[in-house]
Amino acid sequence: MNDRDVEETLIDLNGVGKWTIEMFLIFCLMRPDIFPVADIGLQRSIANHYNHGKRMSEKQIENLACSWKPWRTVATWYLWRALDPVPVCY
């Protein structure tokens, strides 16, 4: 299934919203170009790295991320990881 078909299938489930679907696409289906613009961690990291810690609108964030296509999931992982000061051992 493509991303849109997955979203249309899952959105009908009780308690499943856009963010949940984006996390499913990222972590379960390993899709390379998912950008959860409403995710607060992603917003905070982008503000820290691209706007001197000041919050940006979702539209501004989407415009910034256009150049990251088709690897916005990878950019998201790096931005999330940049928030955690403690190294992770895998």
PDB file of N, CA and C in Angstrom:
ATOM      1  N   MET A   1       0.841  -1.186   0.000  1.00  0.00           N
ATOM      2  CA  MET A   1       0.000   0.000   0.000  1.00  0.00           C
ATOM      3  C   MET A   1       0.884   1.245   0.000  1.00  0.00           C
ATOM      4  N   ASN A   2       0.431   2.271  -0.668  1.00  0.00           N
ATOM      5  CA  ASN A   2       1.166   3.526  -0.595  1.00  0.00           C
ATOM      6  C   ASN A   2       0.761   4.271   0.681  1.00  0.00           C
ATOM      7  N   ASP A   3       1.460   5.349   0.976  1.00  0.00           N
ATOM      8  CA  ASP A   3       1.225   6.086   2.225  1.00  0.00           C
ATOM      9  C   ASP A   3      -0.217   6.557   2.356  1.00  0.00           C
ATOM     10  N   ARG A   4      -0.783   7.055   1.289  1.00  0.00           N
ATOM     11  CA  ARG A   4      -2.164   7.562   1.307  1.00  0.00           C
ATOM     12  C   ARG A   4      -3.152   6.440   1.612  1.00  0.00           C
ATOM     13  N   ASP A   5      -2.955   5.273   1.010  1.00  0.00           N
ATOM     14  CA  ASP A   5      -3.845   4.134   1.257  1.00  0.00           C
ATOM     15  C   ASP A   5      -3.757   3.673   2.711  1.00  0.00           C
ATOM     16  N   VAL A   6      -2.554   3.655   3.258  1.00  0.00           N
ATOM     17  CA  VAL A   6      -2.385   3.287   4.670  1.00  0.00           C
ATOM     18  C   VAL A   6      -3.131   4.279   5.544  1.00  0.00           C
ATOM     19  N   GLU A   7      -2.967   5.567   5.258  1.00  0.00           N
ATOM     20  CA  GLU A   7      -3.646   6.594   6.047  1.00  0.00           C
ATOM     21  C   GLU A   7      -5.157   6.444   5.971  1.00  0.00           C
ATOM     22  N   GLU A   8      -5.688   6.236   4.777  1.00  0.00           N
ATOM     23  CA  GLU A   8      -7.136   6.091   4.615  1.00  0.00           C
ATOM     24  C   GLU A   8      -7.674   4.857   5.329  1.00  0.00           C
ATOM     25  N   THR A   9      -6.881   3.807   5.406  1.00  0.00           N
ATOM     26  CA  THR A   9      -7.297   2.585   6.093  1.00  0.00           C
ATOM     27  C   THR A   9      -7.283   2.764   7.608  1.00  0.00           C
ATOM     28  N   LEU A  10      -6.215   3.381   8.128  1.00  0.00           N
ATOM     29  CA  LEU A  10      -6.048   3.480   9.581  1.00  0.00           C
ATOM     30  C   LEU A  10      -6.866   4.593  10.222  1.00  0.00           C
ATOM     31  N   ILE A  11      -7.180   5.637   9.491  1.00  0.00           N
ATOM     32  CA  ILE A  11      -7.861   6.794  10.084  1.00  0.00           C
ATOM     33  C   ILE A  11      -9.249   6.434  10.610  1.00  0.00           C
ATOM     34  N   ASP A  12      -9.833   5.387  10.075  1.00  0.00           N
ATOM     35  CA  ASP A  12     -11.168   4.964  10.530  1.00  0.00           C
ATOM     36  C   ASP A  12     -11.138   4.245  11.865  1.00  0.00           C
ATOM     37  N   LEU A  13      -9.958   3.853  12.341  1.00  0.00           N
ATOM     38  CA  LEU A  13      -9.859   3.169  13.631  1.00  0.00           C
ATOM     39  C   LEU A  13     -10.014   4.175  14.763  1.00  0.00           C
ATOM     40  N   ASN A  14     -10.758   3.790  15.779  1.00  0.00           N
ATOM     41  CA  ASN A  14     -10.993   4.658  16.927  1.00  0.00           C
ATOM     42  C   ASN A  14      -9.678   4.977  17.639  1.00  0.00           C
ATOM     43  N   GLY A  15      -9.402   6.247  17.857  1.00  0.00           N
ATOM     44  CA  GLY A  15      -8.215   6.668  18.574  1.00  0.00           C
ATOM     45  C   GLY A  15      -6.979   6.845  17.712  1.00  0.00           C
ATOM     46  N   VAL A  16      -7.098   6.588  16.423  1.00  0.00           N
ATOM     47  CA  VAL A  16      -5.962   6.734  15.517  1.00  0.00           C
ATOM     48  C   VAL A  16      -6.116   8.034  14.742  1.00  0.00           C
ATOM     49  N   GLY A  17      -5.104   8.875  14.867  1.00  0.00           N
ATOM     50  CA  GLY A  17      -5.108  10.149  14.153  1.00  0.00           C
ATOM     51  C   GLY A  17      -3.901  10.273  13.256  1.00  0.00           C
ATOM     52  N   LYS A  18      -3.727  11.451  12.708  1.00  0.00           N
ATOM     53  CA  LYS A  18      -2.643  11.692  11.756  1.00  0.00           C
ATOM     54  C   LYS A  18      -1.266  11.395  12.351  1.00  0.00           C
ATOM     55  N   TRP A  19      -1.005  11.861  13.596  1.00  0.00           N
ATOM     56  CA  TRP A  19       0.296  11.638  14.219  1.00  0.00           C
ATOM     57  C   TRP A  19       0.568  10.145  14.391  1.00  0.00           C
ATOM     58  N   THR A  20      -0.426   9.394  14.848  1.00  0.00           N
ATOM     59  CA  THR A  20      -0.269   7.950  15.039  1.00  0.00           C
ATOM     60  C   THR A  20       0.051   7.268  13.713  1.00  0.00           C
ATOM     61  N   ILE A  21      -0.626   7.680  12.676  1.00  0.00           N
ATOM     62  CA  ILE A  21      -0.378   7.103  11.356  1.00  0.00           C
ATOM     63  C   ILE A  21       1.038   7.430  10.885  1.00  0.00           C
ATOM     64  N   GLU A  22       1.477   8.658  11.110  1.00  0.00           N
ATOM     65  CA  GLU A  22       2.838   9.038  10.723  1.00  0.00           C
ATOM     66  C   GLU A  22       3.873   8.202  11.479  1.00  0.00           C
ATOM     67  N   MET A  23       3.645   7.979  12.764  1.00  0.00           N
ATOM     68  CA  MET A  23       4.580   7.158  13.547  1.00  0.00           C
ATOM     69  C   MET A  23       4.579   5.717  13.043  1.00  0.00           C
ATOM     70  N   PHE A  24       3.410   5.200  12.665  1.00  0.00           N
ATOM     71  CA  PHE A  24       3.308   3.854  12.103  1.00  0.00           C
ATOM     72  C   PHE A  24       4.083   3.764  10.790  1.00  0.00           C
ATOM     73  N   LEU A  25       3.920   4.767   9.937  1.00  0.00           N
ATOM     74  CA  LEU A  25       4.636   4.782   8.663  1.00  0.00           C
ATOM     75  C   LEU A  25       6.146   4.846   8.867  1.00  0.00           C
ATOM     76  N   ILE A  26       6.589   5.632   9.860  1.00  0.00           N
ATOM     77  CA  ILE A  26       8.017   5.777  10.126  1.00  0.00           C
ATOM     78  C   ILE A  26       8.598   4.515  10.752  1.00  0.00           C
ATOM     79  N   PHE A  27       8.014   4.068  11.859  1.00  0.00           N
ATOM     80  CA  PHE A  27       8.643   3.020  12.666  1.00  0.00           C
ATOM     81  C   PHE A  27       8.266   1.598  12.282  1.00  0.00           C
ATOM     82  N   CYS A  28       7.080   1.401  11.728  1.00  0.00           N
ATOM     83  CA  CYS A  28       6.672   0.043  11.359  1.00  0.00           C
ATOM     84  C   CYS A  28       6.908  -0.247   9.879  1.00  0.00           C
ATOM     85  N   LEU A  29       6.590   0.711   9.043  1.00  0.00           N
ATOM     86  CA  LEU A  29       6.727   0.491   7.608  1.00  0.00           C
ATOM     87  C   LEU A  29       8.014   1.075   7.034  1.00  0.00           C
ATOM     88  N   MET A  30       8.771   1.800   7.878  1.00  0.00           N
ATOM     89  CA  MET A  30      10.074   2.339   7.488  1.00  0.00           C
ATOM     90  C   MET A  30      10.019   3.173   6.203  1.00  0.00           C
ATOM     91  N   ARG A  31       9.010   4.018   6.108  1.00  0.00           N
ATOM     92  CA  ARG A  31       8.875   4.867   4.926  1.00  0.00           C
ATOM     93  C   ARG A  31       9.891   6.003   5.004  1.00  0.00           C
ATOM     94  N   PRO A  32      10.578   6.320   3.904  1.00  0.00           N
ATOM     95  CA  PRO A  32      11.687   7.277   3.941  1.00  0.00           C
ATOM     96  C   PRO A  32      11.296   8.748   3.895  1.00  0.00           C
ATOM     97  N   ASP A  33      10.053   9.055   3.539  1.00  0.00           N
ATOM     98  CA  ASP A  33       9.709  10.464   3.347  1.00  0.00           C
ATOM     99  C   ASP A  33       8.448  10.865   4.104  1.00  0.00           C
ATOM    100  N   ILE A  34       8.430  10.578   5.390  1.00  0.00           N
ATOM    101  CA  ILE A  34       7.326  10.989   6.253  1.00  0.00           C
ATOM    102  C   ILE A  34       7.815  12.160   7.091  1.00  0.00           C
ATOM    103  N   PHE A  35       7.015  13.208   7.157  1.00  0.00           N
ATOM    104  CA  PHE A  35       7.421  14.390   7.912  1.00  0.00           C
ATOM    105  C   PHE A  35       6.291  14.793   8.853  1.00  0.00           C
ATOM    106  N   PRO A  36       6.373  14.387  10.134  1.00  0.00           N
ATOM    107  CA  PRO A  36       5.310  14.667  11.106  1.00  0.00           C
ATOM    108  C   PRO A  36       5.390  16.108  11.627  1.00  0.00           C
ATOM    109  N   VAL A  37       4.973  17.040  10.808  1.00  0.00           N
ATOM    110  CA  VAL A  37       5.173  18.464  11.087  1.00  0.00           C
ATOM    111  C   VAL A  37       4.519  18.904  12.400  1.00  0.00           C
ATOM    112  N   ALA A  38       3.492  18.218  12.856  1.00  0.00           N
ATOM    113  CA  ALA A  38       2.811  18.594  14.097  1.00  0.00           C
ATOM    114  C   ALA A  38       3.474  18.002  15.344  1.00  0.00           C
ATOM    115  N   ASP A  39       4.515  17.176  15.174  1.00  0.00           N
ATOM    116  CA  ASP A  39       5.193  16.563  16.311  1.00  0.00           C
ATOM    117  C   ASP A  39       5.955  17.621  17.101  1.00  0.00           C
ATOM    118  N   ILE A  40       5.680  17.716  18.392  1.00  0.00           N
ATOM    119  CA  ILE A  40       6.265  18.776  19.217  1.00  0.00           C
ATOM    120  C   ILE A  40       7.779  18.645  19.341  1.00  0.00           C
ATOM    121  N   GLY A  41       8.289  17.434  19.399  1.00  0.00           N
ATOM    122  CA  GLY A  41       9.736  17.248  19.466  1.00  0.00           C
ATOM    123  C   GLY A  41      10.415  17.736  18.200  1.00  0.00           C
ATOM    124  N   LEU A  42       9.838  17.418  17.069  1.00  0.00           N
ATOM    125  CA  LEU A  42      10.372  17.880  15.791  1.00  0.00           C
ATOM    126  C   LEU A  42      10.326  19.403  15.715  1.00  0.00           C
ATOM    127  N   GLN A  43       9.211  19.984  16.130  1.00  0.00           N
ATOM    128  CA  GLN A  43       9.080  21.444  16.122  1.00  0.00           C
ATOM    129  C   GLN A  43      10.134  22.100  17.019  1.00  0.00           C
ATOM    130  N   ARG A  44      10.345  21.541  18.186  1.00  0.00           N
ATOM    131  CA  ARG A  44      11.317  22.102  19.124  1.00  0.00           C
ATOM    132  C   ARG A  44      12.736  22.016  18.568  1.00  0.00           C
ATOM    133  N   SER A  45      13.079  20.881  17.987  1.00  0.00           N
ATOM    134  CA  SER A  45      14.415  20.716  17.438  1.00  0.00           C
ATOM    135  C   SER A  45      14.651  21.654  16.254  1.00  0.00           C
ATOM    136  N   ILE A  46      13.668  21.800  15.401  1.00  0.00           N
ATOM    137  CA  ILE A  46      13.798  22.733  14.275  1.00  0.00           C
ATOM    138  C   ILE A  46      13.947  24.155  14.777  1.00  0.00           C
ATOM    139  N   ALA A  47      13.176  24.535  15.788  1.00  0.00           N
ATOM    140  CA  ALA A  47      13.305  25.880  16.362  1.00  0.00           C
ATOM    141  C   ALA A  47      14.720  26.092  16.894  1.00  0.00           C
ATOM    142  N   ASN A  48      15.254  25.096  17.579  1.00  0.00           N
ATOM    143  CA  ASN A  48      16.602  25.201  18.145  1.00  0.00           C
ATOM    144  C   ASN A  48      17.680  25.312  17.075  1.00  0.00           C
ATOM    145  N   HIS A  49      17.529  24.557  15.997  1.00  0.00           N
ATOM    146  CA  HIS A  49      18.580  24.483  14.990  1.00  0.00           C
ATOM    147  C   HIS A  49      18.431  25.475  13.838  1.00  0.00           C
ATOM    148  N   TYR A  50      17.230  25.973  13.628  1.00  0.00           N
ATOM    149  CA  TYR A  50      17.006  26.816  12.460  1.00  0.00           C
ATOM    150  C   TYR A  50      16.431  28.198  12.772  1.00  0.00           C
ATOM    151  N   ASN A  51      16.036  28.445  14.024  1.00  0.00           N
ATOM    152  CA  ASN A  51      15.380  29.722  14.310  1.00  0.00           C
ATOM    153  C   ASN A  51      15.735  30.252  15.694  1.00  0.00           C
ATOM    154  N   HIS A  52      16.951  30.017  16.151  1.00  0.00           N
ATOM    155  CA  HIS A  52      17.449  30.549  17.430  1.00  0.00           C
ATOM    156  C   HIS A  52      16.522  30.230  18.605  1.00  0.00           C
ATOM    157  N   GLY A  53      15.895  29.051  18.567  1.00  0.00           N
ATOM    158  CA  GLY A  53      15.033  28.607  19.650  1.00  0.00           C
ATOM    159  C   GLY A  53      13.617  29.140  19.606  1.00  0.00           C
ATOM    160  N   LYS A  54      13.308  29.956  18.619  1.00  0.00           N
ATOM    161  CA  LYS A  54      11.952  30.516  18.498  1.00  0.00           C
ATOM    162  C   LYS A  54      11.096  29.599  17.649  1.00  0.00           C
ATOM    163  N   ARG A  55       9.888  29.381  18.129  1.00  0.00           N
ATOM    164  CA  ARG A  55       8.966  28.491  17.442  1.00  0.00           C
ATOM    165  C   ARG A  55       8.630  29.005  16.043  1.00  0.00           C
ATOM    166  N   MET A  56       8.497  28.068  15.119  1.00  0.00           N
ATOM    167  CA  MET A  56       8.120  28.385  13.747  1.00  0.00           C
ATOM    168  C   MET A  56       6.737  27.801  13.469  1.00  0.00           C
ATOM    169  N   SER A  57       6.024  28.390  12.528  1.00  0.00           N
ATOM    170  CA  SER A  57       4.713  27.856  12.150  1.00  0.00           C
ATOM    171  C   SER A  57       4.904  26.560  11.373  1.00  0.00           C
ATOM    172  N   GLU A  58       3.855  25.764  11.318  1.00  0.00           N
ATOM    173  CA  GLU A  58       3.932  24.516  10.567  1.00  0.00           C
ATOM    174  C   GLU A  58       4.224  24.787   9.098  1.00  0.00           C
ATOM    175  N   LYS A  59       3.674  25.861   8.564  1.00  0.00           N
ATOM    176  CA  LYS A  59       3.921  26.232   7.167  1.00  0.00           C
ATOM    177  C   LYS A  59       5.403  26.560   6.958  1.00  0.00           C
ATOM    178  N   GLN A  60       5.998  27.304   7.882  1.00  0.00           N
ATOM    179  CA  GLN A  60       7.424  27.621   7.785  1.00  0.00           C
ATOM    180  C   GLN A  60       8.270  26.351   7.852  1.00  0.00           C
ATOM    181  N   ILE A  61       7.886  25.440   8.737  1.00  0.00           N
ATOM    182  CA  ILE A  61       8.620  24.184   8.886  1.00  0.00           C
ATOM    183  C   ILE A  61       8.496  23.348   7.612  1.00  0.00           C
ATOM    184  N   GLU A  62       7.293  23.281   7.062  1.00  0.00           N
ATOM    185  CA  GLU A  62       7.097  22.531   5.816  1.00  0.00           C
ATOM    186  C   GLU A  62       7.940  23.118   4.687  1.00  0.00           C
ATOM    187  N   ASN A  63       7.996  24.441   4.604  1.00  0.00           N
ATOM    188  CA  ASN A  63       8.811  25.081   3.570  1.00  0.00           C
ATOM    189  C   ASN A  63      10.291  24.750   3.753  1.00  0.00           C
ATOM    190  N   LEU A  64      10.749  24.771   4.997  1.00  0.00           N
ATOM    191  CA  LEU A  64      12.131  24.420   5.299  1.00  0.00           C
ATOM    192  C   LEU A  64      12.439  22.991   4.858  1.00  0.00           C
ATOM    193  N   ALA A  65      11.516  22.096   5.108  1.00  0.00           N
ATOM    194  CA  ALA A  65      11.738  20.670   4.862  1.00  0.00           C
ATOM    195  C   ALA A  65      11.583  20.262   3.398  1.00  0.00           C
ATOM    196  N   CYS A  66      11.122  21.151   2.552  1.00  0.00           N
ATOM    197  CA  CYS A  66      10.960  20.795   1.133  1.00  0.00           C
ATOM    198  C   CYS A  66      12.254  20.283   0.518  1.00  0.00           C
ATOM    199  N   SER A  67      13.349  20.885   0.873  1.00  0.00           N
ATOM    200  CA  SER A  67      14.634  20.485   0.285  1.00  0.00           C
ATOM    201  C   SER A  67      15.129  19.137   0.820  1.00  0.00           C
ATOM    202  N   TRP A  68      14.496  18.607   1.851  1.00  0.00           N
ATOM    203  CA  TRP A  68      14.900  17.331   2.427  1.00  0.00           C
ATOM    204  C   TRP A  68      14.253  16.135   1.728  1.00  0.00           C
ATOM    205  N   LYS A  69      13.286  16.402   0.849  1.00  0.00           N
ATOM    206  CA  LYS A  69      12.632  15.314   0.120  1.00  0.00           C
ATOM    207  C   LYS A  69      13.664  14.615  -0.741  1.00  0.00           C
ATOM    208  N   PRO A  70      13.615  13.330  -0.895  1.00  0.00           N
ATOM    209  CA  PRO A  70      12.656  12.350  -0.395  1.00  0.00           C
ATOM    210  C   PRO A  70      13.117  11.652   0.884  1.00  0.00           C
ATOM    211  N   TRP A  71      13.878  12.334   1.727  1.00  0.00           N
ATOM    212  CA  TRP A  71      14.439  11.706   2.932  1.00  0.00           C
ATOM    213  C   TRP A  71      14.027  12.443   4.201  1.00  0.00           C
ATOM    214  N   ARG A  72      12.816  12.944   4.251  1.00  0.00           N
ATOM    215  CA  ARG A  72      12.392  13.706   5.430  1.00  0.00           C
ATOM    216  C   ARG A  72      12.287  12.849   6.685  1.00  0.00           C
ATOM    217  N   THR A  73      12.053  11.566   6.557  1.00  0.00           N
ATOM    218  CA  THR A  73      12.060  10.696   7.734  1.00  0.00           C
ATOM    219  C   THR A  73      13.446  10.688   8.363  1.00  0.00           C
ATOM    220  N   VAL A  74      14.469  10.597   7.547  1.00  0.00           N
ATOM    221  CA  VAL A  74      15.846  10.583   8.052  1.00  0.00           C
ATOM    222  C   VAL A  74      16.150  11.910   8.759  1.00  0.00           C
ATOM    223  N   ALA A  75      15.753  13.016   8.154  1.00  0.00           N
ATOM    224  CA  ALA A  75      15.950  14.326   8.783  1.00  0.00           C
ATOM    225  C   ALA A  75      15.214  14.388  10.122  1.00  0.00           C
ATOM    226  N   THR A  76      14.017  13.839  10.163  1.00  0.00           N
ATOM    227  CA  THR A  76      13.236  13.811  11.401  1.00  0.00           C
ATOM    228  C   THR A  76      13.962  13.027  12.485  1.00  0.00           C
ATOM    229  N   TRP A  77      14.506  11.860  12.135  1.00  0.00           N
ATOM    230  CA  TRP A  77      15.256  11.062  13.117  1.00  0.00           C
ATOM    231  C   TRP A  77      16.423  11.853  13.684  1.00  0.00           C
ATOM    232  N   TYR A  78      17.175  12.503  12.820  1.00  0.00           N
ATOM    233  CA  TYR A  78      18.315  13.289  13.289  1.00  0.00           C
ATOM    234  C   TYR A  78      17.877  14.452  14.170  1.00  0.00           C
ATOM    235  N   LEU A  79      16.814  15.105  13.797  1.00  0.00           N
ATOM    236  CA  LEU A  79      16.319  16.234  14.604  1.00  0.00           C
ATOM    237  C   LEU A  79      15.805  15.757  15.959  1.00  0.00           C
ATOM    238  N   TRP A  80      15.087  14.641  15.995  1.00  0.00           N
ATOM    239  CA  TRP A  80      14.647  14.085  17.279  1.00  0.00           C
ATOM    240  C   TRP A  80      15.858  13.738  18.132  1.00  0.00           C
ATOM    241  N   ARG A  81      16.823  13.085  17.519  1.00  0.00           N
ATOM    242  CA  ARG A  81      18.008  12.631  18.251  1.00  0.00           C
ATOM    243  C   ARG A  81      18.806  13.810  18.809  1.00  0.00           C
ATOM    244  N   ALA A  82      18.813  14.920  18.102  1.00  0.00           N
ATOM    245  CA  ALA A  82      19.539  16.102  18.540  1.00  0.00           C
ATOM    246  C   ALA A  82      18.989  16.692  19.834  1.00  0.00           C
ATOM    247  N   LEU A  83      17.770  16.335  20.201  1.00  0.00           N
ATOM    248  CA  LEU A  83      17.160  16.838  21.432  1.00  0.00           C
ATOM    249  C   LEU A  83      17.691  16.118  22.680  1.00  0.00           C
ATOM    250  N   ASP A  84      18.159  14.893  22.495  1.00  0.00           N
ATOM    251  CA  ASP A  84      18.571  14.067  23.637  1.00  0.00           C
ATOM    252  C   ASP A  84      20.053  14.231  23.893  1.00  0.00           C
ATOM    253  N   PRO A  85      20.446  14.788  25.038  1.00  0.00           N
ATOM    254  CA  PRO A  85      21.856  15.022  25.308  1.00  0.00           C
ATOM    255  C   PRO A  85      22.635  13.754  25.681  1.00  0.00           C
ATOM    256  N   VAL A  86      21.926  12.687  25.998  1.00  0.00           N
ATOM    257  CA  VAL A  86      22.577  11.458  26.427  1.00  0.00           C
ATOM    258  C   VAL A  86      22.770  10.537  25.227  1.00  0.00           C
ATOM    259  N   PRO A  87      23.992  10.085  24.962  1.00  0.00           N
ATOM    260  CA  PRO A  87      24.200   9.166  23.835  1.00  0.00           C
ATOM    261  C   PRO A  87      23.396   7.875  23.993  1.00  0.00           C
ATOM    262  N   VAL A  88      22.900   7.380  22.909  1.00  0.00           N
ATOM    263  CA  VAL A  88      22.127   6.137  22.916  1.00  0.00           C
ATOM    264  C   VAL A  88      23.011   5.019  22.412  1.00  0.00           C
ATOM    265  N   CYS A  89      23.032   3.918  23.126  1.00  0.00           N
ATOM    266  CA  CYS A  89      23.776   2.732  22.690  1.00  0.00           C
ATOM    267  C   CYS A  89      22.774   1.740  22.114  1.00  0.00           C
ATOM    268  N   TYR A  90      22.952   1.370  20.886  1.00  0.00           N
ATOM    269  CA  TYR A  90      22.037   0.437  20.241  1.00  0.00           C
ATOM    270  C   TYR A  90      22.604  -0.958  20.268  1.00  0.00           C
TER     271      TYR A  90
END
